C-alpha atoms as a PDB file:
ATOM      1  CA  MET A   1       8.779  10.862  17.587  1.00  0.00           C
ATOM      2  CA  THR A   2       6.014   9.124  15.673  1.00  0.00           C
ATOM      3  CA  ILE A   3       3.367   6.904  17.209  1.00  0.00           C
ATOM      4  CA  ILE A   4       3.581   3.368  15.942  1.00  0.00           C
ATOM      5  CA  TRP A   5       0.246   1.612  16.094  1.00  0.00           C
ATOM      6  CA  HIS A   6       0.697  -2.096  16.597  1.00  0.00           C
ATOM      7  CA  HIS A   7      -2.069  -4.430  15.439  1.00  0.00           C
ATOM      8  CA  SER A   8      -2.172  -6.135  18.848  1.00  0.00           C
ATOM      9  CA  GLN A   9      -3.186  -2.922  20.652  1.00  0.00           C
ATOM     10  CA  ARG A  10      -6.646  -2.648  19.200  1.00  0.00           C
ATOM     11  CA  ARG A  11      -8.377  -4.047  16.198  1.00  0.00           C
ATOM     12  CA  PRO A  12      -8.890  -1.339  13.544  1.00  0.00           C
ATOM     13  CA  ARG A  13     -12.467  -0.161  13.253  1.00  0.00           C
ATOM     14  CA  GLN A  14     -14.304  -1.269  10.197  1.00  0.00           C
ATOM     15  CA  ALA A  15     -15.757   1.390   7.947  1.00  0.00           C
ATOM     16  CA  LYS A  16     -19.273   2.386   8.955  1.00  0.00           C
ATOM     17  CA  THR A  17     -20.449   1.588   5.482  1.00  0.00           C
ATOM     18  CA  SER A  18     -19.491  -1.108   3.042  1.00  0.00           C
ATOM     19  CA  THR A  19     -19.684   1.012  -0.099  1.00  0.00           C
ATOM     20  CA  ALA A  20     -16.628   2.689  -1.563  1.00  0.00           C
ATOM     21  CA  GLY A  21     -18.529   5.971  -1.651  1.00  0.00           C
ATOM     22  CA  GLY A  22     -19.448   5.731   2.006  1.00  0.00           C
ATOM     23  CA  ARG A  23     -15.845   4.995   2.945  1.00  0.00           C
ATOM     24  CA  CYS A  24     -14.636   7.924   0.844  1.00  0.00           C
ATOM     25  CA  LYS A  25     -17.188  10.270   2.368  1.00  0.00           C
ATOM     26  CA  GLY A  26     -16.251   9.336   5.933  1.00  0.00           C
ATOM     27  CA  LEU A  27     -12.515   9.656   5.293  1.00  0.00           C
ATOM     28  CA  ARG A  28     -13.028  12.891   3.340  1.00  0.00           C
ATOM     29  CA  GLN A  29     -14.861  14.431   6.281  1.00  0.00           C
ATOM     30  CA  GLU A  30     -12.245  13.206   8.767  1.00  0.00           C
ATOM     31  CA  THR A  31      -9.531  14.729   6.603  1.00  0.00           C
ATOM     32  CA  GLY A  32     -11.233  18.108   6.915  1.00  0.00           C
ATOM     33  CA  TYR A  33     -13.118  18.464   3.648  1.00  0.00           C
ATOM     34  CA  ALA A  34     -16.668  19.341   4.649  1.00  0.00           C
ATOM     35  CA  SER A  35     -18.042  19.277   1.121  1.00  0.00           C
ATOM     36  CA  ALA A  36     -17.686  16.863  -1.739  1.00  0.00           C
ATOM     37  CA  ARG A  37     -17.355  19.872  -4.061  1.00  0.00           C
ATOM     38  CA  ALA A  38     -14.258  21.224  -2.254  1.00  0.00           C
ATOM     39  CA  PHE A  39     -12.679  17.786  -2.235  1.00  0.00           C
ATOM     40  CA  ALA A  40     -13.432  17.255  -5.930  1.00  0.00           C
ATOM     41  CA  GLU A  41     -11.752  20.576  -6.726  1.00  0.00           C
ATOM     42  CA  ARG A  42      -8.682  19.470  -4.745  1.00  0.00           C
ATOM     43  CA  LEU A  43      -8.616  16.255  -6.782  1.00  0.00           C
ATOM     44  CA  GLY A  44      -9.203  17.925 -10.131  1.00  0.00           C
ATOM     45  CA  ILE A  45     -12.310  15.793 -10.647  1.00  0.00           C
ATOM     46  CA  PRO A  46     -15.628  17.356 -11.714  1.00  0.00           C
ATOM     47  CA  ALA A  47     -17.760  17.846  -8.580  1.00  0.00           C
ATOM     48  CA  PRO A  48     -20.792  15.975 -10.009  1.00  0.00           C
ATOM     49  CA  ALA A  49     -18.587  12.968 -10.834  1.00  0.00           C
ATOM     50  CA  TYR A  50     -17.095  12.834  -7.333  1.00  0.00           C
ATOM     51  CA  ALA A  51     -20.512  13.300  -5.697  1.00  0.00           C
ATOM     52  CA  LYS A  52     -21.732  10.358  -7.778  1.00  0.00           C
ATOM     53  CA  TYR A  53     -18.877   8.192  -6.419  1.00  0.00           C
ATOM     54  CA  GLU A  54     -20.026   8.962  -2.874  1.00  0.00           C
ATOM     55  CA  ARG A  55     -23.734   8.340  -3.332  1.00  0.00           C
ATOM     56  CA  GLN A  56     -24.209   5.548  -5.857  1.00  0.00           C
ATOM     57  CA  PRO A  57     -24.292   1.883  -4.894  1.00  0.00           C
ATOM     58  CA  GLU A  58     -21.137  -0.034  -5.673  1.00  0.00           C
ATOM     59  CA  THR A  59     -21.521  -2.440  -8.571  1.00  0.00           C
ATOM     60  CA  PRO A  60     -19.075  -3.455 -11.308  1.00  0.00           C
ATOM     61  CA  ASP A  61     -20.715  -0.922 -13.618  1.00  0.00           C
ATOM     62  CA  ASN A  62     -20.669   1.872 -11.015  1.00  0.00           C
ATOM     63  CA  SER A  63     -17.200   1.496  -9.516  1.00  0.00           C
ATOM     64  CA  ILE A  64     -14.808   4.401  -9.035  1.00  0.00           C
ATOM     65  CA  PRO A  65     -12.433   4.655 -12.029  1.00  0.00           C
ATOM     66  CA  MET A  66      -8.906   3.573 -11.093  1.00  0.00           C
ATOM     67  CA  GLY A  67      -7.312   6.953 -11.870  1.00  0.00           C
ATOM     68  CA  ALA A  68      -9.817   8.720  -9.636  1.00  0.00           C
ATOM     69  CA  ALA A  69      -9.376   6.081  -6.921  1.00  0.00           C
ATOM     70  CA  TRP A  70      -5.614   6.715  -6.877  1.00  0.00           C
ATOM     71  CA  ARG A  71      -6.132  10.481  -6.575  1.00  0.00           C
ATOM     72  CA  ILE A  72      -8.685   9.978  -3.797  1.00  0.00           C
ATOM     73  CA  ALA A  73      -6.349   7.636  -1.889  1.00  0.00           C
ATOM     74  CA  ASP A  74      -3.442  10.067  -2.205  1.00  0.00           C
ATOM     75  CA  ALA A  75      -5.540  13.012  -1.017  1.00  0.00           C
ATOM     76  CA  LEU A  76      -6.955  11.019   1.906  1.00  0.00           C
ATOM     77  CA  GLU A  77      -3.496   9.647   2.729  1.00  0.00           C
ATOM     78  CA  CYS A  78      -4.782   6.106   2.756  1.00  0.00           C
ATOM     79  CA  SER A  79      -4.273   2.939   0.798  1.00  0.00           C
ATOM     80  CA  ILE A  80      -6.092   2.598  -2.486  1.00  0.00           C
ATOM     81  CA  ASN A  81      -7.307  -0.715  -1.053  1.00  0.00           C
ATOM     82  CA  VAL A  82      -9.397   1.237   1.452  1.00  0.00           C
ATOM     83  CA  VAL A  83     -10.892   3.427  -1.309  1.00  0.00           C
ATOM     84  CA  VAL A  84     -11.855   0.494  -3.524  1.00  0.00           C
ATOM     85  CA  GLY A  85     -13.088  -1.624  -0.634  1.00  0.00           C
ATOM     86  CA  ARG A  86     -10.506  -4.382  -0.470  1.00  0.00           C
ATOM     87  CA  TYR A  87      -9.940  -3.838   3.241  1.00  0.00           C
ATOM     88  CA  ASP A  88      -9.882  -1.215   5.966  1.00  0.00           C
ATOM     89  CA  ASP A  89      -6.667  -2.309   7.705  1.00  0.00           C
ATOM     90  CA  GLY A  90      -4.711   0.642   8.953  1.00  0.00           C
ATOM     91  CA  VAL A  91      -7.575   3.135   8.878  1.00  0.00           C
ATOM     92  CA  GLU A  92      -7.553   3.435  12.657  1.00  0.00           C
ATOM     93  CA  ALA A  93      -3.778   3.858  12.679  1.00  0.00           C
ATOM     94  CA  MET A  94      -4.034   6.645  10.118  1.00  0.00           C
ATOM     95  CA  ARG A  95      -6.667   8.411  12.232  1.00  0.00           C
ATOM     96  CA  VAL A  96      -4.508   8.189  15.332  1.00  0.00           C
ATOM     97  CA  GLN A  97      -1.460   9.426  13.427  1.00  0.00           C
ATOM     98  CA  ARG A  98      -3.377  12.441  12.073  1.00  0.00           C
ATOM     99  CA  MET A  99      -4.521  13.319  15.606  1.00  0.00           C
ATOM    100  CA  TYR A 100      -0.965  12.968  16.891  1.00  0.00           C
ATOM    101  CA  ASP A 101       0.399  15.142  14.070  1.00  0.00           C
ATOM    102  CA  ARG A 102      -1.988  17.947  15.086  1.00  0.00           C
ATOM    103  CA  LEU A 103      -0.757  18.011  18.688  1.00  0.00           C
ATOM    104  CA  SER A 104       1.476  20.806  19.956  1.00  0.00           C
ATOM    105  CA  PRO A 105       5.093  19.881  20.722  1.00  0.00           C
ATOM    106  CA  GLY A 106       4.315  19.896  24.466  1.00  0.00           C
ATOM    107  CA  SER A 107       1.331  17.603  24.016  1.00  0.00           C
ATOM    108  CA  ARG A 108       3.381  15.246  21.853  1.00  0.00           C
ATOM    109  CA  GLU A 109       5.966  15.073  24.618  1.00  0.00           C
ATOM    110  CA  ARG A 110       3.285  14.068  27.128  1.00  0.00           C
ATOM    111  CA  VAL A 111       1.926  11.409  24.754  1.00  0.00           C
ATOM    112  CA  ASP A 112       5.380  10.037  23.954  1.00  0.00           C
ATOM    113  CA  ASP A 113       6.382   9.779  27.605  1.00  0.00           C
ATOM    114  CA  PRO A 114       3.329  10.117  29.883  1.00  0.00           C
ATOM    115  CA  TRP A 115       5.285   9.178  33.025  1.00  0.00           C
ATOM    116  CA  THR A 116       7.532  12.245  33.022  1.00  0.00           C
ATOM    117  CA  SER A 117       4.794  14.878  32.801  1.00  0.00           C
END
């Protein structure tokens, strides 16, 4: 069974930072990539280029290229809208789903039906 996160249960948390790079860094770390270099290798993007996406201020001249943004979104299992800063809807739901997916079958059973445990 999969947890379905309904918008009325809790408002999704906003990203701690408003820059695309800050959002990417936070999601990258939550996904389990401790270093920007390891994540860049996974994406097939040069490490210095990806590190630049995370640290530079977001301006029209410094935005993440669309091809890279798509690869980042796919690797982070999030919407490209989150990567490029359009909105953060669903980020909390994705975090909860990832936590649920890591649970053992017995723990999932207790979460799915807490009254029978």
